[in-house]
Amino acid sequence: MIQKLHKHHDGLALVIDRATLAAHGIDEETPVEVAFSGTTMIVTASIDLKRKALFERALALTHDRFGLTLQKLAE
């Protein structure tokens, strides 16, 4: 996707359409990290550590409780 930068106050803004953002689970409340590597700009949704820990805990509980059943289903 090729986008142009738009003037915004005393800086520039990169405008990304809502459909693309929604497809990647990003909204106006999602913190993003911007990194530069040479001439490449990388925009990444920041990881919510609290949410990640909650997910990992739920995954571990699921594995403990249903691990054997899930393994049998996989086979």
PDB file of N, CA and C in Angstrom:
ATOM      1  N   MET A   1       0.845  -1.165   0.000  1.00  0.00           N
ATOM      2  CA  MET A   1       0.000   0.000   0.000  1.00  0.00           C
ATOM      3  C   MET A   1       0.899   1.240   0.000  1.00  0.00           C
ATOM      4  N   ILE A   2       0.656   2.123  -0.912  1.00  0.00           N
ATOM      5  CA  ILE A   2       1.410   3.370  -0.975  1.00  0.00           C
ATOM      6  C   ILE A   2       0.500   4.490  -0.492  1.00  0.00           C
ATOM      7  N   GLN A   3       0.976   5.246   0.483  1.00  0.00           N
ATOM      8  CA  GLN A   3       0.218   6.347   1.069  1.00  0.00           C
ATOM      9  C   GLN A   3       1.070   7.605   1.027  1.00  0.00           C
ATOM     10  N   LYS A   4       0.401   8.742   0.982  1.00  0.00           N
ATOM     11  CA  LYS A   4       1.094  10.026   1.076  1.00  0.00           C
ATOM     12  C   LYS A   4       0.904  10.565   2.483  1.00  0.00           C
ATOM     13  N   LEU A   5       1.880  11.327   2.950  1.00  0.00           N
ATOM     14  CA  LEU A   5       1.768  11.997   4.230  1.00  0.00           C
ATOM     15  C   LEU A   5       0.951  13.270   4.055  1.00  0.00           C
ATOM     16  N   HIS A   6       0.159  13.599   5.068  1.00  0.00           N
ATOM     17  CA  HIS A   6      -0.689  14.784   5.034  1.00  0.00           C
ATOM     18  C   HIS A   6      -0.219  15.769   6.095  1.00  0.00           C
ATOM     19  N   LYS A   7      -0.326  17.068   5.799  1.00  0.00           N
ATOM     20  CA  LYS A   7       0.025  18.092   6.779  1.00  0.00           C
ATOM     21  C   LYS A   7      -0.951  18.011   7.944  1.00  0.00           C
ATOM     22  N   HIS A   8      -0.404  18.059   9.158  1.00  0.00           N
ATOM     23  CA  HIS A   8      -1.228  18.033  10.368  1.00  0.00           C
ATOM     24  C   HIS A   8      -0.558  18.943  11.384  1.00  0.00           C
ATOM     25  N   HIS A   9      -1.168  20.095  11.651  1.00  0.00           N
ATOM     26  CA  HIS A   9      -0.594  21.118  12.528  1.00  0.00           C
ATOM     27  C   HIS A   9       0.815  21.463  12.051  1.00  0.00           C
ATOM     28  N   ASP A  10       1.835  21.213  12.872  1.00  0.00           N
ATOM     29  CA  ASP A  10       3.194  21.552  12.461  1.00  0.00           C
ATOM     30  C   ASP A  10       3.984  20.304  12.060  1.00  0.00           C
ATOM     31  N   GLY A  11       3.279  19.189  11.794  1.00  0.00           N
ATOM     32  CA  GLY A  11       3.949  17.942  11.417  1.00  0.00           C
ATOM     33  C   GLY A  11       3.248  17.291  10.241  1.00  0.00           C
ATOM     34  N   LEU A  12       3.501  16.001  10.087  1.00  0.00           N
ATOM     35  CA  LEU A  12       2.892  15.214   9.026  1.00  0.00           C
ATOM     36  C   LEU A  12       2.181  14.022   9.645  1.00  0.00           C
ATOM     37  N   ALA A  13       1.130  13.547   8.969  1.00  0.00           N
ATOM     38  CA  ALA A  13       0.360  12.407   9.467  1.00  0.00           C
ATOM     39  C   ALA A  13       0.212  11.371   8.363  1.00  0.00           C
ATOM     40  N   LEU A  14       0.224  10.132   8.763  1.00  0.00           N
ATOM     41  CA  LEU A  14      -0.024   9.025   7.845  1.00  0.00           C
ATOM     42  C   LEU A  14      -1.461   8.581   8.096  1.00  0.00           C
ATOM     43  N   VAL A  15      -2.315   8.692   7.081  1.00  0.00           N
ATOM     44  CA  VAL A  15      -3.729   8.345   7.225  1.00  0.00           C
ATOM     45  C   VAL A  15      -3.939   6.942   6.671  1.00  0.00           C
ATOM     46  N   ILE A  16      -4.476   6.071   7.523  1.00  0.00           N
ATOM     47  CA  ILE A  16      -4.756   4.683   7.127  1.00  0.00           C
ATOM     48  C   ILE A  16      -6.260   4.479   7.279  1.00  0.00           C
ATOM     49  N   ASP A  17      -6.902   3.922   6.248  1.00  0.00           N
ATOM     50  CA  ASP A  17      -8.354   3.792   6.289  1.00  0.00           C
ATOM     51  C   ASP A  17      -8.805   2.824   7.386  1.00  0.00           C
ATOM     52  N   ARG A  18     -10.004   3.061   7.893  1.00  0.00           N
ATOM     53  CA  ARG A  18     -10.528   2.305   9.037  1.00  0.00           C
ATOM     54  C   ARG A  18     -10.658   0.815   8.742  1.00  0.00           C
ATOM     55  N   ALA A  19     -10.996   0.451   7.519  1.00  0.00           N
ATOM     56  CA  ALA A  19     -11.161  -0.969   7.180  1.00  0.00           C
ATOM     57  C   ALA A  19      -9.843  -1.722   7.359  1.00  0.00           C
ATOM     58  N   THR A  20      -8.751  -1.118   6.936  1.00  0.00           N
ATOM     59  CA  THR A  20      -7.435  -1.742   7.098  1.00  0.00           C
ATOM     60  C   THR A  20      -7.071  -1.851   8.569  1.00  0.00           C
ATOM     61  N   LEU A  21      -7.329  -0.791   9.318  1.00  0.00           N
ATOM     62  CA  LEU A  21      -7.030  -0.812  10.749  1.00  0.00           C
ATOM     63  C   LEU A  21      -7.881  -1.857  11.468  1.00  0.00           C
ATOM     64  N   ALA A  22      -9.169  -1.904  11.148  1.00  0.00           N
ATOM     65  CA  ALA A  22     -10.068  -2.864  11.789  1.00  0.00           C
ATOM     66  C   ALA A  22      -9.662  -4.299  11.469  1.00  0.00           C
ATOM     67  N   ALA A  23      -9.196  -4.540  10.261  1.00  0.00           N
ATOM     68  CA  ALA A  23      -8.762  -5.884   9.875  1.00  0.00           C
ATOM     69  C   ALA A  23      -7.574  -6.358  10.698  1.00  0.00           C
ATOM     70  N   HIS A  24      -6.818  -5.398  11.251  1.00  0.00           N
ATOM     71  CA  HIS A  24      -5.655  -5.729  12.073  1.00  0.00           C
ATOM     72  C   HIS A  24      -5.906  -5.494  13.556  1.00  0.00           C
ATOM     73  N   GLY A  25      -7.170  -5.246  13.919  1.00  0.00           N
ATOM     74  CA  GLY A  25      -7.525  -5.077  15.322  1.00  0.00           C
ATOM     75  C   GLY A  25      -7.016  -3.789  15.947  1.00  0.00           C
ATOM     76  N   ILE A  26      -6.885  -2.757  15.140  1.00  0.00           N
ATOM     77  CA  ILE A  26      -6.365  -1.476  15.623  1.00  0.00           C
ATOM     78  C   ILE A  26      -7.477  -0.440  15.566  1.00  0.00           C
ATOM     79  N   ASP A  27      -7.643   0.318  16.650  1.00  0.00           N
ATOM     80  CA  ASP A  27      -8.576   1.438  16.657  1.00  0.00           C
ATOM     81  C   ASP A  27      -7.866   2.656  17.242  1.00  0.00           C
ATOM     82  N   GLU A  28      -8.616   3.733  17.472  1.00  0.00           N
ATOM     83  CA  GLU A  28      -7.970   4.970  17.952  1.00  0.00           C
ATOM     84  C   GLU A  28      -7.415   4.854  19.360  1.00  0.00           C
ATOM     85  N   GLU A  29      -7.811   3.819  20.096  1.00  0.00           N
ATOM     86  CA  GLU A  29      -7.306   3.611  21.455  1.00  0.00           C
ATOM     87  C   GLU A  29      -6.057   2.718  21.497  1.00  0.00           C
ATOM     88  N   THR A  30      -5.737   2.071  20.393  1.00  0.00           N
ATOM     89  CA  THR A  30      -4.611   1.134  20.342  1.00  0.00           C
ATOM     90  C   THR A  30      -3.289   1.897  20.277  1.00  0.00           C
ATOM     91  N   PRO A  31      -2.415   1.676  21.243  1.00  0.00           N
ATOM     92  CA  PRO A  31      -1.103   2.326  21.139  1.00  0.00           C
ATOM     93  C   PRO A  31      -0.275   1.645  20.045  1.00  0.00           C
ATOM     94  N   VAL A  32       0.437   2.439  19.277  1.00  0.00           N
ATOM     95  CA  VAL A  32       1.283   1.882  18.221  1.00  0.00           C
ATOM     96  C   VAL A  32       2.722   2.299  18.449  1.00  0.00           C
ATOM     97  N   GLU A  33       3.606   1.466  17.984  1.00  0.00           N
ATOM     98  CA  GLU A  33       5.035   1.745  18.078  1.00  0.00           C
ATOM     99  C   GLU A  33       5.543   2.030  16.672  1.00  0.00           C
ATOM    100  N   VAL A  34       6.291   3.093  16.519  1.00  0.00           N
ATOM    101  CA  VAL A  34       6.850   3.455  15.224  1.00  0.00           C
ATOM    102  C   VAL A  34       8.360   3.288  15.307  1.00  0.00           C
ATOM    103  N   ALA A  35       8.903   2.525  14.366  1.00  0.00           N
ATOM    104  CA  ALA A  35      10.343   2.282  14.336  1.00  0.00           C
ATOM    105  C   ALA A  35      10.855   2.551  12.922  1.00  0.00           C
ATOM    106  N   PHE A  36      12.105   2.944  12.830  1.00  0.00           N
ATOM    107  CA  PHE A  36      12.725   3.198  11.536  1.00  0.00           C
ATOM    108  C   PHE A  36      13.930   2.290  11.367  1.00  0.00           C
ATOM    109  N   SER A  37      14.037   1.714  10.187  1.00  0.00           N
ATOM    110  CA  SER A  37      15.172   0.873   9.841  1.00  0.00           C
ATOM    111  C   SER A  37      15.638   1.319   8.460  1.00  0.00           C
ATOM    112  N   GLY A  38      16.681   2.108   8.439  1.00  0.00           N
ATOM    113  CA  GLY A  38      17.127   2.665   7.161  1.00  0.00           C
ATOM    114  C   GLY A  38      16.070   3.613   6.634  1.00  0.00           C
ATOM    115  N   THR A  39      15.545   3.330   5.443  1.00  0.00           N
ATOM    116  CA  THR A  39      14.494   4.169   4.856  1.00  0.00           C
ATOM    117  C   THR A  39      13.105   3.571   5.074  1.00  0.00           C
ATOM    118  N   THR A  40      13.014   2.542   5.903  1.00  0.00           N
ATOM    119  CA  THR A  40      11.744   1.864   6.159  1.00  0.00           C
ATOM    120  C   THR A  40      11.148   2.317   7.485  1.00  0.00           C
ATOM    121  N   MET A  41       9.856   2.660   7.459  1.00  0.00           N
ATOM    122  CA  MET A  41       9.133   2.998   8.682  1.00  0.00           C
ATOM    123  C   MET A  41       8.220   1.821   9.003  1.00  0.00           C
ATOM    124  N   ILE A  42       8.315   1.322  10.233  1.00  0.00           N
ATOM    125  CA  ILE A  42       7.533   0.168  10.659  1.00  0.00           C
ATOM    126  C   ILE A  42       6.576   0.624  11.755  1.00  0.00           C
ATOM    127  N   VAL A  43       5.274   0.403  11.535  1.00  0.00           N
ATOM    128  CA  VAL A  43       4.251   0.769  12.512  1.00  0.00           C
ATOM    129  C   VAL A  43       3.673  -0.542  13.044  1.00  0.00           C
ATOM    130  N   THR A  44       3.790  -0.739  14.356  1.00  0.00           N
ATOM    131  CA  THR A  44       3.352  -1.984  14.985  1.00  0.00           C
ATOM    132  C   THR A  44       2.441  -1.668  16.159  1.00  0.00           C
ATOM    133  N   ALA A  45       1.332  -2.411  16.255  1.00  0.00           N
ATOM    134  CA  ALA A  45       0.466  -2.256  17.416  1.00  0.00           C
ATOM    135  C   ALA A  45       1.238  -2.724  18.642  1.00  0.00           C
ATOM    136  N   SER A  46       1.266  -1.901  19.682  1.00  0.00           N
ATOM    137  CA  SER A  46       1.984  -2.256  20.898  1.00  0.00           C
ATOM    138  C   SER A  46       1.272  -3.399  21.610  1.00  0.00           C
ATOM    139  N   ILE A  47       2.048  -4.232  22.262  1.00  0.00           N
ATOM    140  CA  ILE A  47       1.496  -5.358  22.994  1.00  0.00           C
ATOM    141  C   ILE A  47       1.008  -4.866  24.354  1.00  0.00           C
ATOM    142  N   ASP A  48      -0.238  -5.151  24.639  1.00  0.00           N
ATOM    143  CA  ASP A  48      -0.790  -4.818  25.952  1.00  0.00           C
ATOM    144  C   ASP A  48      -0.364  -5.944  26.893  1.00  0.00           C
ATOM    145  N   LEU A  49       0.615  -5.670  27.761  1.00  0.00           N
ATOM    146  CA  LEU A  49       1.191  -6.713  28.612  1.00  0.00           C
ATOM    147  C   LEU A  49       0.161  -7.339  29.543  1.00  0.00           C
ATOM    148  N   LYS A  50      -0.779  -6.548  30.025  1.00  0.00           N
ATOM    149  CA  LYS A  50      -1.818  -7.072  30.908  1.00  0.00           C
ATOM    150  C   LYS A  50      -2.707  -8.071  30.156  1.00  0.00           C
ATOM    151  N   ARG A  51      -3.079  -7.686  28.940  1.00  0.00           N
ATOM    152  CA  ARG A  51      -3.922  -8.560  28.120  1.00  0.00           C
ATOM    153  C   ARG A  51      -3.163  -9.827  27.714  1.00  0.00           C
ATOM    154  N   LYS A  52      -1.880  -9.676  27.377  1.00  0.00           N
ATOM    155  CA  LYS A  52      -1.068 -10.820  26.993  1.00  0.00           C
ATOM    156  C   LYS A  52      -0.935 -11.801  28.154  1.00  0.00           C
ATOM    157  N   ALA A  53      -0.718 -11.292  29.357  1.00  0.00           N
ATOM    158  CA  ALA A  53      -0.599 -12.152  30.536  1.00  0.00           C
ATOM    159  C   ALA A  53      -1.912 -12.880  30.807  1.00  0.00           C
ATOM    160  N   LEU A  54      -3.030 -12.197  30.638  1.00  0.00           N
ATOM    161  CA  LEU A  54      -4.339 -12.815  30.824  1.00  0.00           C
ATOM    162  C   LEU A  54      -4.551 -13.941  29.817  1.00  0.00           C
ATOM    163  N   PHE A  55      -4.174 -13.692  28.561  1.00  0.00           N
ATOM    164  CA  PHE A  55      -4.303 -14.714  27.525  1.00  0.00           C
ATOM    165  C   PHE A  55      -3.419 -15.919  27.830  1.00  0.00           C
ATOM    166  N   GLU A  56      -2.161 -15.679  28.207  1.00  0.00           N
ATOM    167  CA  GLU A  56      -1.251 -16.782  28.497  1.00  0.00           C
ATOM    168  C   GLU A  56      -1.733 -17.614  29.686  1.00  0.00           C
ATOM    169  N   ARG A  57      -2.312 -16.953  30.667  1.00  0.00           N
ATOM    170  CA  ARG A  57      -2.863 -17.671  31.822  1.00  0.00           C
ATOM    171  C   ARG A  57      -4.038 -18.536  31.389  1.00  0.00           C
ATOM    172  N   ALA A  58      -4.926 -17.986  30.570  1.00  0.00           N
ATOM    173  CA  ALA A  58      -6.080 -18.750  30.072  1.00  0.00           C
ATOM    174  C   ALA A  58      -5.618 -19.913  29.209  1.00  0.00           C
ATOM    175  N   LEU A  59      -4.599 -19.702  28.399  1.00  0.00           N
ATOM    176  CA  LEU A  59      -4.068 -20.771  27.556  1.00  0.00           C
ATOM    177  C   LEU A  59      -3.473 -21.884  28.411  1.00  0.00           C
ATOM    178  N   ALA A  60      -2.737 -21.534  29.450  1.00  0.00           N
ATOM    179  CA  ALA A  60      -2.151 -22.538  30.338  1.00  0.00           C
ATOM    180  C   ALA A  60      -3.233 -23.331  31.057  1.00  0.00           C
ATOM    181  N   LEU A  61      -4.276 -22.649  31.527  1.00  0.00           N
ATOM    182  CA  LEU A  61      -5.372 -23.346  32.195  1.00  0.00           C
ATOM    183  C   LEU A  61      -6.088 -24.291  31.232  1.00  0.00           C
ATOM    184  N   THR A  62      -6.289 -23.843  30.008  1.00  0.00           N
ATOM    185  CA  THR A  62      -6.922 -24.688  28.994  1.00  0.00           C
ATOM    186  C   THR A  62      -6.063 -25.905  28.705  1.00  0.00           C
ATOM    187  N   HIS A  63      -4.766 -25.686  28.590  1.00  0.00           N
ATOM    188  CA  HIS A  63      -3.852 -26.796  28.329  1.00  0.00           C
ATOM    189  C   HIS A  63      -3.855 -27.798  29.491  1.00  0.00           C
ATOM    190  N   ASP A  64      -3.844 -27.299  30.716  1.00  0.00           N
ATOM    191  CA  ASP A  64      -3.858 -28.179  31.882  1.00  0.00           C
ATOM    192  C   ASP A  64      -5.144 -29.003  31.942  1.00  0.00           C
ATOM    193  N   ARG A  65      -6.235 -28.348  31.640  1.00  0.00           N
ATOM    194  CA  ARG A  65      -7.534 -29.007  31.789  1.00  0.00           C
ATOM    195  C   ARG A  65      -7.888 -29.896  30.603  1.00  0.00           C
ATOM    196  N   PHE A  66      -7.580 -29.453  29.373  1.00  0.00           N
ATOM    197  CA  PHE A  66      -8.028 -30.160  28.180  1.00  0.00           C
ATOM    198  C   PHE A  66      -6.889 -30.627  27.281  1.00  0.00           C
ATOM    199  N   GLY A  67      -5.655 -30.581  27.778  1.00  0.00           N
ATOM    200  CA  GLY A  67      -4.497 -30.906  26.950  1.00  0.00           C
ATOM    201  C   GLY A  67      -4.562 -32.281  26.307  1.00  0.00           C
ATOM    202  N   LEU A  68      -4.894 -33.311  27.084  1.00  0.00           N
ATOM    203  CA  LEU A  68      -4.956 -34.668  26.541  1.00  0.00           C
ATOM    204  C   LEU A  68      -6.060 -34.804  25.500  1.00  0.00           C
ATOM    205  N   THR A  69      -7.208 -34.203  25.762  1.00  0.00           N
ATOM    206  CA  THR A  69      -8.315 -34.260  24.811  1.00  0.00           C
ATOM    207  C   THR A  69      -7.955 -33.546  23.530  1.00  0.00           C
ATOM    208  N   LEU A  70      -7.336 -32.385  23.635  1.00  0.00           N
ATOM    209  CA  LEU A  70      -6.929 -31.647  22.435  1.00  0.00           C
ATOM    210  C   LEU A  70      -5.881 -32.416  21.637  1.00  0.00           C
ATOM    211  N   GLN A  71      -4.974 -33.108  22.347  1.00  0.00           N
ATOM    212  CA  GLN A  71      -3.955 -33.896  21.664  1.00  0.00           C
ATOM    213  C   GLN A  71      -4.601 -35.054  20.905  1.00  0.00           C
ATOM    214  N   LYS A  72      -5.571 -35.706  21.527  1.00  0.00           N
ATOM    215  CA  LYS A  72      -6.289 -36.816  20.869  1.00  0.00           C
ATOM    216  C   LYS A  72      -7.057 -36.318  19.655  1.00  0.00           C
ATOM    217  N   LEU A  73      -7.669 -35.159  19.767  1.00  0.00           N
ATOM    218  CA  LEU A  73      -8.384 -34.594  18.626  1.00  0.00           C
ATOM    219  C   LEU A  73      -7.447 -34.254  17.482  1.00  0.00           C
ATOM    220  N   ALA A  74      -6.251 -33.813  17.813  1.00  0.00           N
ATOM    221  CA  ALA A  74      -5.266 -33.455  16.786  1.00  0.00           C
ATOM    222  C   ALA A  74      -4.794 -34.675  16.009  1.00  0.00           C
ATOM    223  N   GLU A  75      -4.774 -35.802  16.687  1.00  0.00           N
ATOM    224  CA  GLU A  75      -4.316 -37.037  16.034  1.00  0.00           C
ATOM    225  C   GLU A  75      -5.441 -37.569  15.196  1.00  0.00           C
TER     226      GLU A  75
END
